[in-house]
Amino acid sequence: MTSVIKTLELDLGDRSYPIHIGQGLLQDASLLTPHIHGGSTVVVSNETVAPLYINKLHDLIGDYRNIDVILPDGEEYKTLDTVNQIFTQMLEQHCDRKTTVLALGGGVIGDITGYGAASYQRGVNFIQVPTTLLSMVDSSVGGKTGVNHPLGKNMIGAFYQPQCVIIDTDTLNTLDDRQLSAGMAEVIKYGLIRDADFLDWLQENMDGLLKRDPELLTEAIYRSCKHKAEVVADDEKEAGQRALLNLGHTFGHAIETGMGYGKWLHGEAVAAGMVMAAKLSQGMGWLEATDVQRIETLLQAANLPIAPPKDMTVKQFMDLMSVDKKVLDGVLRLVLMKSMGEAIVTDDFDHDALLKVLIG
C-alpha cells in the first residue's frame, strides 16, 4: 500500500508530465505503466542502487520485455563512454523507437540515461525514478540531461523531458547521510532564490529532515519540485529565469571540476558556491552580513561546507568559470541575491568584490 501521494504537473503543453511524490510508490504500478510505450523497457541503474530497488521496478514493469543496464557508481563515470555502454546494450538487444528507458538512481544515472534516451534513434521515451534527495528535487525534473567533460561539468547534453517522474521517498532510507545532506543544498537553494518563507520552514525543521521524517521529507520535496516546475514551465530551455536555479552553481561546478569529479559531491560544491554568491551579493550592497551568516548557519545545520577548498587558486576558479554555460559572448554572468528569497542573473557585478570572494 502507498501513502498519500502528492502529484504535480509540469506544464509544457502536449509534453506535460506528472511528478508523483510519496512513500511506497515503487509498489504502485498504476503510476508507471501508463507511461510505458511499446513492448520493451530498459532499466538503467548503477551497482549501488540496483541491488536495492531494481527488483521492485521489475515487479512494476511486469510482462514487458526488459533489459537491465547496470553501470558503475560515481560522478567520474558521467561520461560519453558510459552513455555508449547504454547504446551498445540497446543495439545488441535490438531496441527500437518504441522502447521506454527508465532511470533508476541518483542524478548521474538520471542525467546520462536521459541523454542516452534523447540520442538513441533520435529519441525514445524515458521515465525518471530518482533515489537520492538531490535527484528528487533537482535533476529528475525539468529535462536537463548530459555528461561531463574534463574541461567542464555538464557541457555536453540536451533538453529532453521524461514521460513522468516517480519519487518514492522510502528510497531515502538507504541513502547515506553525506548524500542526504548534499541533496539538502538544492532544497535550501529554492528558499534562497524565490521563497523566504520556505527558508523559515527549513530552519525550523532541519533536524527532522536529517532524521528522515517521511512527512517532512515529502513536504520539502513537494515544495522544491513545485518551484522547479513553475520555473521550467515558463522557461524550459534557460533563455531567462531558469538560470536562477543555478545559484551557487558557477562556483560549485568550478569546485567539482577543479578538485576532480566525485571528490566533492555536487550538493557540497553548490553549498560552498551559494555562500560565495551570498558574499559577493553582500559586496554589492544587496545582502547584510546577518543574511550571509543566516545562510551559513542553515547550511552548517544541514552538515554542508560553507567555504571552497583551500587549495583552489583564484586562477583555477576564473579559468573554470570562464567555460560556464551562463557565459555569453565571453562575458561571465552570475546568479546573485538581491535579498533573501530573490535572485537575479547579472554580468554587472563588482569584479574587485568577486576577487575578494575568491581569495577568501
Protein backbone atom coordinates (compact mmCIF):
# COMPACT_ATOMS: atom_id res chain seq x y z
CA MET A 1 0.00 0.00 0.00
CA THR A 2 1.12 3.55 -0.68
CA SER A 3 0.72 6.60 1.48
CA VAL A 4 -0.98 9.79 0.36
CA ILE A 5 0.54 10.77 -2.97
CA LYS A 6 1.32 14.37 -3.79
CA THR A 7 1.27 15.00 -7.53
CA LEU A 8 2.47 17.99 -9.53
CA GLU A 9 2.10 18.60 -13.23
CA LEU A 10 4.94 20.20 -15.15
CA ASP A 11 3.01 22.20 -17.73
CA LEU A 12 4.67 22.02 -21.15
CA GLY A 13 1.60 21.69 -23.34
CA ASP A 14 1.50 18.35 -25.12
CA ARG A 15 4.78 17.39 -23.40
CA SER A 16 3.44 17.93 -19.87
CA TYR A 17 4.07 15.20 -17.33
CA PRO A 18 3.25 14.28 -13.73
CA ILE A 19 5.64 14.27 -10.79
CA HIS A 20 4.41 11.81 -8.16
CA ILE A 21 5.80 12.10 -4.61
CA GLY A 22 5.13 9.83 -1.61
CA GLN A 23 6.03 6.72 0.36
CA GLY A 24 5.84 3.28 -1.22
CA LEU A 25 5.36 4.44 -4.82
CA LEU A 26 7.52 1.57 -6.07
CA GLN A 27 4.60 -0.65 -5.10
CA ASP A 28 2.06 1.15 -7.30
CA ALA A 29 2.14 0.06 -10.93
CA SER A 30 -0.71 2.41 -11.85
CA LEU A 31 1.70 5.35 -11.65
CA LEU A 32 4.21 3.77 -14.02
CA THR A 33 2.62 1.58 -16.67
CA PRO A 34 0.52 4.29 -18.40
CA HIS A 35 3.81 5.91 -19.40
CA ILE A 36 5.45 2.81 -20.89
CA HIS A 37 5.03 2.79 -24.66
CA GLY A 38 5.84 -0.14 -26.91
CA GLY A 39 6.64 -3.67 -25.79
CA SER A 40 10.10 -3.32 -24.26
CA THR A 41 11.83 -1.44 -21.46
CA VAL A 42 15.40 -0.71 -20.47
CA VAL A 43 16.22 -0.05 -16.82
CA VAL A 44 19.46 1.88 -16.34
CA SER A 45 20.87 1.85 -12.80
CA ASN A 46 24.18 1.51 -11.01
CA GLU A 47 25.95 -1.07 -8.89
CA THR A 48 24.83 0.61 -5.64
CA VAL A 49 21.14 1.21 -6.35
CA ALA A 50 20.30 -1.83 -8.49
CA PRO A 51 20.63 -4.44 -5.70
CA LEU A 52 18.29 -2.36 -3.52
CA TYR A 53 15.46 -1.41 -5.86
CA ILE A 54 15.68 -2.93 -9.32
CA ASN A 55 13.53 -5.94 -8.41
CA LYS A 56 10.78 -3.62 -7.18
CA LEU A 57 10.90 -1.87 -10.54
CA HIS A 58 10.83 -5.21 -12.36
CA ASP A 59 7.65 -6.09 -10.46
CA LEU A 60 6.04 -2.82 -11.57
CA ILE A 61 7.11 -3.26 -15.19
CA GLY A 62 5.56 -6.71 -15.27
CA ASP A 63 5.35 -8.54 -18.57
CA TYR A 64 7.24 -6.13 -20.78
CA ARG A 65 10.47 -7.43 -22.33
CA ASN A 66 13.10 -5.81 -20.13
CA ILE A 67 16.84 -5.23 -20.35
CA ASP A 68 18.94 -4.06 -17.40
CA VAL A 69 21.98 -1.83 -17.91
CA ILE A 70 23.99 -1.70 -14.69
CA LEU A 71 26.71 0.96 -14.63
CA PRO A 72 29.48 1.80 -12.17
CA ASP A 73 28.56 4.31 -9.46
CA GLY A 74 30.11 7.76 -9.31
CA GLU A 75 30.31 11.22 -10.85
CA GLU A 76 33.55 10.21 -12.57
CA TYR A 77 31.51 7.86 -14.79
CA LYS A 78 29.25 10.63 -16.08
CA THR A 79 30.91 10.49 -19.50
CA LEU A 80 30.22 9.83 -23.16
CA ASP A 81 31.93 6.44 -22.77
CA THR A 82 29.33 5.45 -20.18
CA VAL A 83 26.44 6.61 -22.38
CA ASN A 84 27.95 4.50 -25.15
CA GLN A 85 27.60 1.43 -22.91
CA ILE A 86 23.84 2.10 -22.82
CA PHE A 87 23.74 2.42 -26.61
CA THR A 88 25.71 -0.80 -27.08
CA GLN A 89 23.39 -2.90 -24.94
CA MET A 90 20.29 -1.40 -26.54
CA LEU A 91 21.61 -2.09 -30.02
CA GLU A 92 22.66 -5.62 -29.11
CA GLN A 93 19.13 -6.25 -27.84
CA HIS A 94 17.52 -4.66 -30.93
CA CYS A 95 15.71 -1.93 -29.01
CA ASP A 96 13.52 0.17 -31.28
CA ARG A 97 11.95 3.63 -31.17
CA LYS A 98 9.07 2.40 -29.01
CA THR A 99 11.37 1.26 -26.22
CA THR A 100 10.89 3.07 -22.89
CA VAL A 101 14.04 3.74 -20.86
CA LEU A 102 13.83 4.07 -17.07
CA ALA A 103 16.48 5.83 -14.99
CA LEU A 104 16.73 4.27 -11.52
CA GLY A 105 19.24 6.09 -9.36
CA GLY A 106 20.64 9.48 -8.49
CA GLY A 107 21.47 12.50 -10.58
CA VAL A 108 24.30 10.88 -12.51
CA ILE A 109 22.10 8.00 -13.64
CA GLY A 110 19.23 10.34 -14.45
CA ASP A 111 21.42 12.69 -16.49
CA ILE A 112 23.22 10.06 -18.54
CA THR A 113 20.08 7.96 -19.06
CA GLY A 114 18.14 10.99 -20.21
CA TYR A 115 20.90 11.95 -22.62
CA GLY A 116 21.02 8.39 -23.92
CA ALA A 117 17.24 8.37 -24.39
CA ALA A 118 17.38 11.72 -26.19
CA SER A 119 20.02 10.41 -28.58
CA TYR A 120 19.11 6.77 -29.23
CA GLN A 121 17.43 6.61 -32.65
CA ARG A 122 16.96 10.39 -32.20
CA GLY A 123 14.79 9.98 -29.14
CA VAL A 124 12.91 7.33 -27.18
CA ASN A 125 10.60 7.68 -24.19
CA PHE A 126 12.09 7.70 -20.72
CA ILE A 127 10.94 7.80 -17.12
CA GLN A 128 12.77 9.18 -14.09
CA VAL A 129 12.81 7.14 -10.87
CA PRO A 130 15.19 9.14 -8.64
CA THR A 131 16.57 7.58 -5.46
CA THR A 132 18.60 10.44 -3.93
CA LEU A 133 17.31 13.65 -2.42
CA LEU A 134 19.33 15.74 -4.85
CA SER A 135 17.92 13.99 -7.89
CA MET A 136 14.38 14.13 -6.47
CA VAL A 137 14.37 17.90 -6.02
CA ASP A 138 16.56 18.89 -8.94
CA SER A 139 17.94 16.75 -11.75
CA SER A 140 14.94 14.45 -12.33
CA VAL A 141 12.64 17.40 -13.03
CA GLY A 142 12.95 19.76 -15.96
CA GLY A 143 14.58 17.77 -18.73
CA LYS A 144 18.24 18.71 -18.40
CA THR A 145 20.34 15.72 -19.45
CA GLY A 146 24.00 15.32 -20.22
CA VAL A 147 27.51 14.32 -19.30
CA ASN A 148 30.69 15.94 -18.04
CA HIS A 149 33.83 16.81 -19.97
CA PRO A 150 37.31 17.07 -18.41
CA LEU A 151 37.18 20.83 -19.10
CA GLY A 152 33.71 21.46 -17.70
CA LYS A 153 30.73 19.93 -15.91
CA ASN A 154 27.54 19.20 -17.86
CA MET A 155 28.93 20.79 -21.01
CA ILE A 156 27.55 18.08 -23.33
CA GLY A 157 23.84 17.36 -23.23
CA ALA A 158 20.31 18.09 -24.36
CA PHE A 159 16.98 19.31 -23.06
CA TYR A 160 14.78 16.20 -23.10
CA GLN A 161 11.72 15.78 -20.92
CA PRO A 162 10.67 12.49 -19.26
CA GLN A 163 7.22 10.92 -19.52
CA CYS A 164 6.83 11.08 -15.75
CA VAL A 165 8.81 11.29 -12.50
CA ILE A 166 8.15 8.80 -9.70
CA ILE A 167 9.62 9.86 -6.35
CA ASP A 168 9.38 7.14 -3.71
CA THR A 169 10.61 8.76 -0.51
CA ASP A 170 11.20 5.32 1.03
CA THR A 171 14.34 5.04 -1.10
CA LEU A 172 15.88 7.78 1.04
CA ASN A 173 16.05 5.30 3.93
CA THR A 174 19.05 3.65 2.26
CA LEU A 175 20.77 6.92 1.32
CA ASP A 176 23.89 7.68 3.33
CA ASP A 177 24.00 10.80 5.49
CA ARG A 178 26.50 12.63 3.29
CA GLN A 179 24.33 12.20 0.19
CA LEU A 180 21.23 13.28 2.11
CA SER A 181 22.98 16.48 3.18
CA ALA A 182 24.20 17.08 -0.36
CA GLY A 183 20.62 16.96 -1.58
CA MET A 184 19.59 19.42 1.11
CA ALA A 185 21.76 22.08 -0.57
CA GLU A 186 19.42 22.12 -3.57
CA VAL A 187 16.38 22.27 -1.26
CA ILE A 188 17.83 25.30 0.53
CA LYS A 189 18.55 26.89 -2.85
CA TYR A 190 14.84 27.18 -3.65
CA GLY A 191 14.28 29.16 -0.47
CA LEU A 192 17.18 31.49 -1.25
CA ILE A 193 16.10 32.29 -4.80
CA ARG A 194 12.30 32.56 -4.54
CA ASP A 195 10.71 31.58 -1.21
CA ALA A 196 11.84 33.25 2.01
CA ASP A 197 9.04 31.55 3.93
CA PHE A 198 10.47 28.18 2.87
CA LEU A 199 13.78 29.22 4.43
CA ASP A 200 11.99 29.79 7.74
CA TRP A 201 10.35 26.37 7.44
CA LEU A 202 13.69 24.70 6.71
CA GLN A 203 15.32 26.35 9.72
CA GLU A 204 12.54 25.04 11.94
CA ASN A 205 12.57 21.51 10.50
CA MET A 206 16.16 20.77 9.51
CA ASP A 207 16.72 18.39 12.40
CA GLY A 208 13.64 16.33 11.49
CA LEU A 209 14.61 16.34 7.80
CA LEU A 210 18.05 14.94 8.60
CA LYS A 211 16.37 12.32 10.80
CA ARG A 212 14.35 11.37 7.67
CA ASP A 213 10.91 12.17 8.95
CA PRO A 214 8.82 10.97 5.98
CA GLU A 215 6.17 13.70 6.19
CA LEU A 216 8.78 16.45 6.40
CA LEU A 217 10.76 14.99 3.51
CA THR A 218 7.64 14.71 1.36
CA GLU A 219 6.78 18.33 2.07
CA ALA A 220 10.32 19.56 1.33
CA ILE A 221 10.47 17.59 -1.92
CA TYR A 222 7.00 18.75 -2.96
CA ARG A 223 7.77 22.42 -2.35
CA SER A 224 11.12 22.15 -4.13
CA CYS A 225 9.63 20.38 -7.16
CA LYS A 226 6.77 22.88 -7.28
CA HIS A 227 9.25 25.74 -7.55
CA LYS A 228 11.25 23.99 -10.22
CA ALA A 229 8.15 23.00 -12.21
CA GLU A 230 6.92 26.60 -12.21
CA VAL A 231 10.27 27.93 -13.40
CA VAL A 232 10.72 25.29 -16.11
CA ALA A 233 7.17 25.76 -17.39
CA ASP A 234 7.98 29.43 -18.01
CA ASP A 235 11.50 28.93 -19.37
CA GLU A 236 12.16 25.37 -20.46
CA LYS A 237 15.48 25.94 -22.23
CA GLU A 238 17.02 28.50 -19.88
CA ALA A 239 16.60 31.59 -22.03
CA GLY A 240 15.82 33.65 -18.93
CA GLN A 241 14.68 32.97 -15.39
CA ARG A 242 15.55 29.26 -15.34
CA ALA A 243 19.17 30.32 -14.91
CA LEU A 244 18.19 31.47 -11.41
CA LEU A 245 18.09 27.78 -10.45
CA ASN A 246 21.88 27.87 -10.79
CA LEU A 247 22.53 29.90 -7.64
CA GLY A 248 25.97 28.81 -6.43
CA HIS A 249 26.47 26.51 -9.41
CA THR A 250 29.05 28.57 -11.32
CA PHE A 251 31.33 28.47 -8.28
CA GLY A 252 30.23 24.94 -7.41
CA HIS A 253 30.88 23.46 -10.86
CA ALA A 254 34.35 25.03 -10.79
CA ILE A 255 34.99 23.28 -7.47
CA GLU A 256 33.78 19.91 -8.80
CA THR A 257 35.89 20.17 -11.94
CA GLY A 258 38.94 21.62 -10.23
CA MET A 259 39.00 19.04 -7.46
CA GLY A 260 38.25 16.10 -9.78
CA TYR A 261 34.75 14.74 -10.35
CA GLY A 262 33.47 12.86 -7.33
CA LYS A 263 35.83 14.35 -4.73
CA TRP A 264 33.24 16.92 -3.71
CA LEU A 265 29.60 15.92 -4.10
CA HIS A 266 27.56 18.24 -6.28
CA GLY A 267 25.48 19.50 -3.37
CA GLU A 268 28.57 20.13 -1.25
CA ALA A 269 30.13 22.21 -4.00
CA VAL A 270 26.87 24.10 -4.56
CA ALA A 271 26.61 24.84 -0.82
CA ALA A 272 30.04 26.45 -0.79
CA GLY A 273 29.17 28.20 -4.05
CA MET A 274 25.97 29.65 -2.59
CA VAL A 275 27.94 31.18 0.28
CA MET A 276 30.38 32.66 -2.24
CA ALA A 277 27.45 34.10 -4.21
CA ALA A 278 25.95 35.48 -0.98
CA LYS A 279 29.24 37.14 -0.02
CA LEU A 280 29.51 38.71 -3.46
CA SER A 281 25.90 39.88 -3.10
CA GLN A 282 26.88 41.42 0.23
CA GLY A 283 29.82 43.10 -1.52
CA MET A 284 27.33 44.60 -3.95
CA GLY A 285 25.31 46.02 -1.05
CA TRP A 286 22.33 43.74 -1.61
CA LEU A 287 22.65 41.44 1.42
CA GLU A 288 23.52 42.25 5.00
CA ALA A 289 26.24 40.44 6.92
CA THR A 290 23.46 38.92 9.05
CA ASP A 291 21.89 37.45 5.90
CA VAL A 292 25.14 35.75 4.94
CA GLN A 293 25.53 34.46 8.49
CA ARG A 294 21.99 33.07 8.38
CA ILE A 295 22.75 31.22 5.13
CA GLU A 296 25.94 29.79 6.60
CA THR A 297 24.14 28.68 9.76
CA LEU A 298 21.42 26.89 7.79
CA LEU A 299 23.95 25.11 5.57
CA GLN A 300 26.01 24.08 8.60
CA ALA A 301 22.85 22.74 10.24
CA ALA A 302 22.48 20.55 7.14
CA ASN A 303 26.10 19.36 7.60
CA LEU A 304 27.28 21.15 4.45
CA PRO A 305 30.52 23.06 3.78
CA ILE A 306 30.39 26.85 3.70
CA ALA A 307 33.79 27.55 2.12
CA PRO A 308 35.57 26.33 -1.02
CA PRO A 309 38.61 24.04 -0.84
CA LYS A 310 41.64 25.95 0.36
CA ASP A 311 43.92 24.57 -2.33
CA MET A 312 41.93 26.01 -5.26
CA THR A 313 43.55 29.15 -6.64
CA VAL A 314 41.90 32.28 -7.97
CA LYS A 315 43.25 31.43 -11.42
CA GLN A 316 41.69 27.96 -11.27
CA PHE A 317 38.34 29.46 -10.38
CA MET A 318 38.48 32.09 -13.13
CA ASP A 319 39.65 29.63 -15.78
CA LEU A 320 36.92 27.10 -14.93
CA MET A 321 34.19 29.71 -14.53
CA SER A 322 35.04 31.06 -17.99
CA VAL A 323 33.57 27.91 -19.58
CA ASP A 324 30.35 28.05 -17.55
CA LYS A 325 27.19 27.69 -19.64
CA LYS A 326 25.98 31.12 -18.48
CA VAL A 327 28.94 32.81 -20.18
CA LEU A 328 27.64 34.70 -23.23
CA ASP A 329 29.93 36.34 -25.81
CA GLY A 330 32.84 35.83 -23.44
CA VAL A 331 31.12 37.66 -20.57
CA LEU A 332 30.69 35.88 -17.23
CA ARG A 333 27.20 36.04 -15.76
CA LEU A 334 26.47 35.05 -12.17
CA VAL A 335 23.36 34.29 -10.15
CA LEU A 336 23.36 36.65 -7.18
CA MET A 337 20.87 37.54 -4.46
CA LYS A 338 19.09 40.89 -4.27
CA SER A 339 17.55 39.81 -0.97
CA MET A 340 16.67 36.65 0.93
CA GLY A 341 14.25 34.87 -1.41
CA GLU A 342 15.07 36.94 -4.52
CA ALA A 343 17.82 36.27 -7.06
CA ILE A 344 18.97 37.76 -10.36
CA VAL A 345 21.29 36.77 -13.21
CA THR A 346 23.73 39.54 -13.96
CA ASP A 347 27.04 40.37 -15.62
CA ASP A 348 27.04 43.74 -13.84
CA PHE A 349 28.93 42.88 -10.69
CA ASP A 350 31.95 44.33 -8.94
CA HIS A 351 34.98 42.40 -10.16
CA ASP A 352 37.06 43.56 -7.20
CA ALA A 353 34.38 42.15 -4.90
CA LEU A 354 34.48 38.87 -6.86
CA LEU A 355 38.25 38.73 -6.48
CA LYS A 356 37.89 39.28 -2.72
CA VAL A 357 35.43 36.35 -2.53
CA LEU A 358 37.76 34.09 -4.48
CA ILE A 359 40.76 34.99 -2.35
CA GLY A 360 38.67 34.10 0.71
